[in-house]
Amino acid sequence: MHLSCQDTIPGDEPANAMLKKYPPAAPLRDPAGRPYPIPRDQASWQAIVEQVLADHGLMMPATVAQDGLRVKLC
């Protein structure tokens, strides 16, 4: 799954005008049919990813990308 920082954020018109920003065609939705909120910082990205996984019955750890993140490849 890929969540993108390219989504537009309501009310952030200067940033929404950037070339790579566009409204999501089919936003990921929770089990009640509501779109998940647009994350705005590292903590909210992590919380939303964990919520998406839990909502879909995927009980696995997930760490969103961040500065300085290191992943050990075996």
PDB file of N, CA and C in Angstrom:
ATOM      1  N   MET A   1       0.846  -1.162   0.000  1.00  0.00           N
ATOM      2  CA  MET A   1       0.000   0.000   0.000  1.00  0.00           C
ATOM      3  C   MET A   1       0.893   1.226   0.000  1.00  0.00           C
ATOM      4  N   HIS A   2       0.470   2.241  -0.701  1.00  0.00           N
ATOM      5  CA  HIS A   2       1.229   3.475  -0.740  1.00  0.00           C
ATOM      6  C   HIS A   2       0.305   4.639  -0.419  1.00  0.00           C
ATOM      7  N   LEU A   3       0.620   5.362   0.627  1.00  0.00           N
ATOM      8  CA  LEU A   3      -0.096   6.593   0.949  1.00  0.00           C
ATOM      9  C   LEU A   3       0.787   7.739   0.484  1.00  0.00           C
ATOM     10  N   SER A   4       0.191   8.725  -0.125  1.00  0.00           N
ATOM     11  CA  SER A   4       0.989   9.764  -0.772  1.00  0.00           C
ATOM     12  C   SER A   4       0.869  11.129  -0.114  1.00  0.00           C
ATOM     13  N   CYS A   5       1.955  11.872  -0.143  1.00  0.00           N
ATOM     14  CA  CYS A   5       1.932  13.248   0.349  1.00  0.00           C
ATOM     15  C   CYS A   5       1.574  14.206  -0.785  1.00  0.00           C
ATOM     16  N   GLN A   6       1.166  13.665  -1.929  1.00  0.00           N
ATOM     17  CA  GLN A   6       0.799  14.510  -3.063  1.00  0.00           C
ATOM     18  C   GLN A   6      -0.656  14.940  -3.020  1.00  0.00           C
ATOM     19  N   ASP A   7      -1.432  14.429  -2.057  1.00  0.00           N
ATOM     20  CA  ASP A   7      -2.842  14.797  -1.969  1.00  0.00           C
ATOM     21  C   ASP A   7      -2.992  16.271  -1.613  1.00  0.00           C
ATOM     22  N   THR A   8      -4.074  16.848  -2.112  1.00  0.00           N
ATOM     23  CA  THR A   8      -4.383  18.226  -1.724  1.00  0.00           C
ATOM     24  C   THR A   8      -4.943  18.231  -0.307  1.00  0.00           C
ATOM     25  N   ILE A   9      -4.727  19.319   0.386  1.00  0.00           N
ATOM     26  CA  ILE A   9      -5.237  19.486   1.740  1.00  0.00           C
ATOM     27  C   ILE A   9      -6.205  20.658   1.715  1.00  0.00           C
ATOM     28  N   PRO A  10      -7.479  20.424   2.059  1.00  0.00           N
ATOM     29  CA  PRO A  10      -8.453  21.516   2.032  1.00  0.00           C
ATOM     30  C   PRO A  10      -7.963  22.735   2.821  1.00  0.00           C
ATOM     31  N   GLY A  11      -8.042  23.902   2.198  1.00  0.00           N
ATOM     32  CA  GLY A  11      -7.645  25.142   2.851  1.00  0.00           C
ATOM     33  C   GLY A  11      -6.184  25.523   2.678  1.00  0.00           C
ATOM     34  N   ASP A  12      -5.374  24.646   2.074  1.00  0.00           N
ATOM     35  CA  ASP A  12      -3.944  24.929   1.885  1.00  0.00           C
ATOM     36  C   ASP A  12      -3.702  25.301   0.424  1.00  0.00           C
ATOM     37  N   GLU A  13      -4.364  26.376  -0.004  1.00  0.00           N
ATOM     38  CA  GLU A  13      -4.353  26.723  -1.418  1.00  0.00           C
ATOM     39  C   GLU A  13      -2.977  27.016  -2.013  1.00  0.00           C
ATOM     40  N   PRO A  14      -2.063  27.687  -1.326  1.00  0.00           N
ATOM     41  CA  PRO A  14      -0.754  27.890  -1.952  1.00  0.00           C
ATOM     42  C   PRO A  14      -0.067  26.551  -2.279  1.00  0.00           C
ATOM     43  N   ALA A  15      -0.095  25.611  -1.359  1.00  0.00           N
ATOM     44  CA  ALA A  15       0.545  24.318  -1.606  1.00  0.00           C
ATOM     45  C   ALA A  15      -0.258  23.473  -2.592  1.00  0.00           C
ATOM     46  N   ASN A  16      -1.579  23.600  -2.575  1.00  0.00           N
ATOM     47  CA  ASN A  16      -2.416  22.810  -3.482  1.00  0.00           C
ATOM     48  C   ASN A  16      -2.210  23.182  -4.941  1.00  0.00           C
ATOM     49  N   ALA A  17      -1.666  24.373  -5.199  1.00  0.00           N
ATOM     50  CA  ALA A  17      -1.457  24.832  -6.565  1.00  0.00           C
ATOM     51  C   ALA A  17      -0.195  24.240  -7.197  1.00  0.00           C
ATOM     52  N   MET A  18       0.590  23.514  -6.427  1.00  0.00           N
ATOM     53  CA  MET A  18       1.822  22.913  -6.959  1.00  0.00           C
ATOM     54  C   MET A  18       1.471  21.903  -8.049  1.00  0.00           C
ATOM     55  N   LEU A  19       2.356  21.715  -9.003  1.00  0.00           N
ATOM     56  CA  LEU A  19       2.093  20.838 -10.133  1.00  0.00           C
ATOM     57  C   LEU A  19       1.811  19.392  -9.735  1.00  0.00           C
ATOM     58  N   LYS A  20       2.463  18.885  -8.715  1.00  0.00           N
ATOM     59  CA  LYS A  20       2.304  17.483  -8.354  1.00  0.00           C
ATOM     60  C   LYS A  20       1.138  17.231  -7.400  1.00  0.00           C
ATOM     61  N   LYS A  21       0.418  18.255  -7.024  1.00  0.00           N
ATOM     62  CA  LYS A  21      -0.720  18.094  -6.114  1.00  0.00           C
ATOM     63  C   LYS A  21      -1.998  17.925  -6.926  1.00  0.00           C
ATOM     64  N   TYR A  22      -2.791  16.947  -6.551  1.00  0.00           N
ATOM     65  CA  TYR A  22      -4.059  16.730  -7.231  1.00  0.00           C
ATOM     66  C   TYR A  22      -5.012  16.024  -6.275  1.00  0.00           C
ATOM     67  N   PRO A  23      -6.314  16.204  -6.468  1.00  0.00           N
ATOM     68  CA  PRO A  23      -7.277  15.533  -5.593  1.00  0.00           C
ATOM     69  C   PRO A  23      -7.213  14.017  -5.810  1.00  0.00           C
ATOM     70  N   PRO A  24      -7.351  13.227  -4.758  1.00  0.00           N
ATOM     71  CA  PRO A  24      -7.305  11.772  -4.932  1.00  0.00           C
ATOM     72  C   PRO A  24      -8.515  11.294  -5.743  1.00  0.00           C
ATOM     73  N   ALA A  25      -8.283  10.392  -6.693  1.00  0.00           N
ATOM     74  CA  ALA A  25      -9.359   9.873  -7.537  1.00  0.00           C
ATOM     75  C   ALA A  25     -10.273   8.947  -6.747  1.00  0.00           C
ATOM     76  N   ALA A  26      -9.678   8.104  -5.931  1.00  0.00           N
ATOM     77  CA  ALA A  26     -10.458   7.141  -5.138  1.00  0.00           C
ATOM     78  C   ALA A  26      -9.772   6.996  -3.785  1.00  0.00           C
ATOM     79  N   PRO A  27     -10.045   7.909  -2.845  1.00  0.00           N
ATOM     80  CA  PRO A  27      -9.343   7.866  -1.563  1.00  0.00           C
ATOM     81  C   PRO A  27      -9.626   6.574  -0.795  1.00  0.00           C
ATOM     82  N   LEU A  28      -8.615   6.102  -0.088  1.00  0.00           N
ATOM     83  CA  LEU A  28      -8.760   4.929   0.751  1.00  0.00           C
ATOM     84  C   LEU A  28      -9.769   5.248   1.848  1.00  0.00           C
ATOM     85  N   ARG A  29     -10.711   4.327   2.066  1.00  0.00           N
ATOM     86  CA  ARG A  29     -11.801   4.583   3.007  1.00  0.00           C
ATOM     87  C   ARG A  29     -11.789   3.590   4.160  1.00  0.00           C
ATOM     88  N   ASP A  30     -12.310   4.048   5.298  1.00  0.00           N
ATOM     89  CA  ASP A  30     -12.422   3.167   6.461  1.00  0.00           C
ATOM     90  C   ASP A  30     -13.634   2.243   6.282  1.00  0.00           C
ATOM     91  N   PRO A  31     -13.833   1.282   7.182  1.00  0.00           N
ATOM     92  CA  PRO A  31     -14.949   0.351   7.020  1.00  0.00           C
ATOM     93  C   PRO A  31     -16.327   1.027   6.978  1.00  0.00           C
ATOM     94  N   ALA A  32     -16.466   2.223   7.515  1.00  0.00           N
ATOM     95  CA  ALA A  32     -17.731   2.949   7.480  1.00  0.00           C
ATOM     96  C   ALA A  32     -17.907   3.734   6.178  1.00  0.00           C
ATOM     97  N   GLY A  33     -16.892   3.711   5.314  1.00  0.00           N
ATOM     98  CA  GLY A  33     -16.979   4.402   4.031  1.00  0.00           C
ATOM     99  C   GLY A  33     -16.450   5.817   4.021  1.00  0.00           C
ATOM    100  N   ARG A  34     -15.897   6.276   5.140  1.00  0.00           N
ATOM    101  CA  ARG A  34     -15.329   7.634   5.212  1.00  0.00           C
ATOM    102  C   ARG A  34     -13.867   7.605   4.762  1.00  0.00           C
ATOM    103  N   PRO A  35     -13.442   8.597   3.981  1.00  0.00           N
ATOM    104  CA  PRO A  35     -12.016   8.651   3.619  1.00  0.00           C
ATOM    105  C   PRO A  35     -11.166   8.851   4.876  1.00  0.00           C
ATOM    106  N   TYR A  36     -10.007   8.214   4.906  1.00  0.00           N
ATOM    107  CA  TYR A  36      -9.083   8.441   6.017  1.00  0.00           C
ATOM    108  C   TYR A  36      -8.602   9.883   5.943  1.00  0.00           C
ATOM    109  N   PRO A  37      -8.274  10.492   7.081  1.00  0.00           N
ATOM    110  CA  PRO A  37      -7.786  11.880   7.048  1.00  0.00           C
ATOM    111  C   PRO A  37      -6.432  11.979   6.339  1.00  0.00           C
ATOM    112  N   ILE A  38      -6.161  13.161   5.843  1.00  0.00           N
ATOM    113  CA  ILE A  38      -4.878  13.395   5.168  1.00  0.00           C
ATOM    114  C   ILE A  38      -3.831  13.669   6.234  1.00  0.00           C
ATOM    115  N   PRO A  39      -2.781  12.837   6.304  1.00  0.00           N
ATOM    116  CA  PRO A  39      -1.754  13.060   7.324  1.00  0.00           C
ATOM    117  C   PRO A  39      -0.977  14.340   7.045  1.00  0.00           C
ATOM    118  N   ARG A  40      -0.572  15.015   8.121  1.00  0.00           N
ATOM    119  CA  ARG A  40       0.136  16.290   7.972  1.00  0.00           C
ATOM    120  C   ARG A  40       1.525  16.289   8.596  1.00  0.00           C
ATOM    121  N   ASP A  41       1.854  15.235   9.357  1.00  0.00           N
ATOM    122  CA  ASP A  41       3.186  15.155   9.957  1.00  0.00           C
ATOM    123  C   ASP A  41       3.525  13.686  10.217  1.00  0.00           C
ATOM    124  N   GLN A  42       4.738  13.435  10.652  1.00  0.00           N
ATOM    125  CA  GLN A  42       5.220  12.074  10.882  1.00  0.00           C
ATOM    126  C   GLN A  42       4.309  11.285  11.815  1.00  0.00           C
ATOM    127  N   ALA A  43       3.898  11.884  12.909  1.00  0.00           N
ATOM    128  CA  ALA A  43       3.061  11.177  13.881  1.00  0.00           C
ATOM    129  C   ALA A  43       1.707  10.812  13.286  1.00  0.00           C
ATOM    130  N   SER A  44       1.099  11.720  12.518  1.00  0.00           N
ATOM    131  CA  SER A  44      -0.206  11.395  11.941  1.00  0.00           C
ATOM    132  C   SER A  44      -0.088  10.359  10.823  1.00  0.00           C
ATOM    133  N   TRP A  45       1.014  10.372  10.058  1.00  0.00           N
ATOM    134  CA  TRP A  45       1.255   9.317   9.058  1.00  0.00           C
ATOM    135  C   TRP A  45       1.293   7.964   9.757  1.00  0.00           C
ATOM    136  N   GLN A  46       2.041   7.875  10.841  1.00  0.00           N
ATOM    137  CA  GLN A  46       2.191   6.606  11.550  1.00  0.00           C
ATOM    138  C   GLN A  46       0.841   6.143  12.104  1.00  0.00           C
ATOM    139  N   ALA A  47       0.098   7.045  12.705  1.00  0.00           N
ATOM    140  CA  ALA A  47      -1.195   6.689  13.291  1.00  0.00           C
ATOM    141  C   ALA A  47      -2.184   6.214  12.224  1.00  0.00           C
ATOM    142  N   ILE A  48      -2.214   6.878  11.085  1.00  0.00           N
ATOM    143  CA  ILE A  48      -3.153   6.498  10.034  1.00  0.00           C
ATOM    144  C   ILE A  48      -2.778   5.151   9.431  1.00  0.00           C
ATOM    145  N   VAL A  49      -1.503   4.916   9.197  1.00  0.00           N
ATOM    146  CA  VAL A  49      -1.080   3.612   8.663  1.00  0.00           C
ATOM    147  C   VAL A  49      -1.481   2.501   9.628  1.00  0.00           C
ATOM    148  N   GLU A  50      -1.242   2.699  10.909  1.00  0.00           N
ATOM    149  CA  GLU A  50      -1.621   1.682  11.892  1.00  0.00           C
ATOM    150  C   GLU A  50      -3.131   1.461  11.907  1.00  0.00           C
ATOM    151  N   GLN A  51      -3.916   2.537  11.750  1.00  0.00           N
ATOM    152  CA  GLN A  51      -5.372   2.412  11.718  1.00  0.00           C
ATOM    153  C   GLN A  51      -5.841   1.668  10.472  1.00  0.00           C
ATOM    154  N   VAL A  52      -5.253   1.989   9.320  1.00  0.00           N
ATOM    155  CA  VAL A  52      -5.607   1.303   8.070  1.00  0.00           C
ATOM    156  C   VAL A  52      -5.336  -0.189   8.193  1.00  0.00           C
ATOM    157  N   LEU A  53      -4.171  -0.546   8.691  1.00  0.00           N
ATOM    158  CA  LEU A  53      -3.838  -1.959   8.846  1.00  0.00           C
ATOM    159  C   LEU A  53      -4.827  -2.655   9.780  1.00  0.00           C
ATOM    160  N   ALA A  54      -5.122  -2.048  10.910  1.00  0.00           N
ATOM    161  CA  ALA A  54      -6.056  -2.641  11.870  1.00  0.00           C
ATOM    162  C   ALA A  54      -7.455  -2.771  11.259  1.00  0.00           C
ATOM    163  N   ASP A  55      -7.910  -1.746  10.544  1.00  0.00           N
ATOM    164  CA  ASP A  55      -9.239  -1.772   9.936  1.00  0.00           C
ATOM    165  C   ASP A  55      -9.395  -2.898   8.916  1.00  0.00           C
ATOM    166  N   HIS A  56      -8.297  -3.296   8.317  1.00  0.00           N
ATOM    167  CA  HIS A  56      -8.333  -4.335   7.286  1.00  0.00           C
ATOM    168  C   HIS A  56      -7.832  -5.680   7.799  1.00  0.00           C
ATOM    169  N   GLY A  57      -7.704  -5.801   9.121  1.00  0.00           N
ATOM    170  CA  GLY A  57      -7.331  -7.068   9.727  1.00  0.00           C
ATOM    171  C   GLY A  57      -5.896  -7.494   9.471  1.00  0.00           C
ATOM    172  N   LEU A  58      -5.034  -6.549   9.195  1.00  0.00           N
ATOM    173  CA  LEU A  58      -3.629  -6.846   8.927  1.00  0.00           C
ATOM    174  C   LEU A  58      -2.818  -6.539  10.181  1.00  0.00           C
ATOM    175  N   MET A  59      -2.575  -7.546  10.955  1.00  0.00           N
ATOM    176  CA  MET A  59      -1.872  -7.368  12.222  1.00  0.00           C
ATOM    177  C   MET A  59      -0.369  -7.554  12.013  1.00  0.00           C
ATOM    178  N   MET A  60       0.255  -6.514  11.516  1.00  0.00           N
ATOM    179  CA  MET A  60       1.696  -6.534  11.274  1.00  0.00           C
ATOM    180  C   MET A  60       2.259  -5.164  11.615  1.00  0.00           C
ATOM    181  N   PRO A  61       3.502  -5.129  12.022  1.00  0.00           N
ATOM    182  CA  PRO A  61       4.094  -3.820  12.310  1.00  0.00           C
ATOM    183  C   PRO A  61       4.354  -3.048  11.013  1.00  0.00           C
ATOM    184  N   ALA A  62       4.273  -1.747  11.105  1.00  0.00           N
ATOM    185  CA  ALA A  62       4.569  -0.885   9.962  1.00  0.00           C
ATOM    186  C   ALA A  62       5.262   0.362  10.476  1.00  0.00           C
ATOM    187  N   THR A  63       6.257   0.789   9.758  1.00  0.00           N
ATOM    188  CA  THR A  63       6.963   2.030  10.083  1.00  0.00           C
ATOM    189  C   THR A  63       6.975   2.885   8.832  1.00  0.00           C
ATOM    190  N   VAL A  64       6.428   4.065   8.914  1.00  0.00           N
ATOM    191  CA  VAL A  64       6.427   4.948   7.747  1.00  0.00           C
ATOM    192  C   VAL A  64       7.816   5.548   7.570  1.00  0.00           C
ATOM    193  N   ALA A  65       8.117   5.917   6.340  1.00  0.00           N
ATOM    194  CA  ALA A  65       9.430   6.486   6.039  1.00  0.00           C
ATOM    195  C   ALA A  65       9.648   7.771   6.812  1.00  0.00           C
ATOM    196  N   GLN A  66      10.882   7.991   7.199  1.00  0.00           N
ATOM    197  CA  GLN A  66      11.243   9.200   7.939  1.00  0.00           C
ATOM    198  C   GLN A  66      12.725   9.473   7.729  1.00  0.00           C
ATOM    199  N   ASP A  67      13.140  10.682   7.997  1.00  0.00           N
ATOM    200  CA  ASP A  67      14.560  11.014   7.881  1.00  0.00           C
ATOM    201  C   ASP A  67      15.358  10.129   8.824  1.00  0.00           C
ATOM    202  N   GLY A  68      16.435   9.571   8.325  1.00  0.00           N
ATOM    203  CA  GLY A  68      17.315   8.760   9.151  1.00  0.00           C
ATOM    204  C   GLY A  68      16.874   7.315   9.334  1.00  0.00           C
ATOM    205  N   LEU A  69      15.773   6.925   8.701  1.00  0.00           N
ATOM    206  CA  LEU A  69      15.285   5.552   8.820  1.00  0.00           C
ATOM    207  C   LEU A  69      16.285   4.592   8.185  1.00  0.00           C
ATOM    208  N   ARG A  70      16.616   3.542   8.920  1.00  0.00           N
ATOM    209  CA  ARG A  70      17.518   2.510   8.385  1.00  0.00           C
ATOM    210  C   ARG A  70      16.801   1.185   8.446  1.00  0.00           C
ATOM    211  N   VAL A  71      16.901   0.446   7.354  1.00  0.00           N
ATOM    212  CA  VAL A  71      16.262  -0.864   7.251  1.00  0.00           C
ATOM    213  C   VAL A  71      17.346  -1.894   6.987  1.00  0.00           C
ATOM    214  N   LYS A  72      17.391  -2.921   7.833  1.00  0.00           N
ATOM    215  CA  LYS A  72      18.385  -3.969   7.667  1.00  0.00           C
ATOM    216  C   LYS A  72      17.842  -4.993   6.672  1.00  0.00           C
ATOM    217  N   LEU A  73      18.586  -5.246   5.619  1.00  0.00           N
ATOM    218  CA  LEU A  73      18.229  -6.247   4.639  1.00  0.00           C
ATOM    219  C   LEU A  73      19.081  -7.484   4.878  1.00  0.00           C
ATOM    220  N   CYS A  74      18.432  -8.574   5.061  1.00  0.00           N
ATOM    221  CA  CYS A  74      19.162  -9.811   5.339  1.00  0.00           C
ATOM    222  C   CYS A  74      19.479 -10.561   4.078  1.00  0.00           C
TER     223      CYS A  74
END
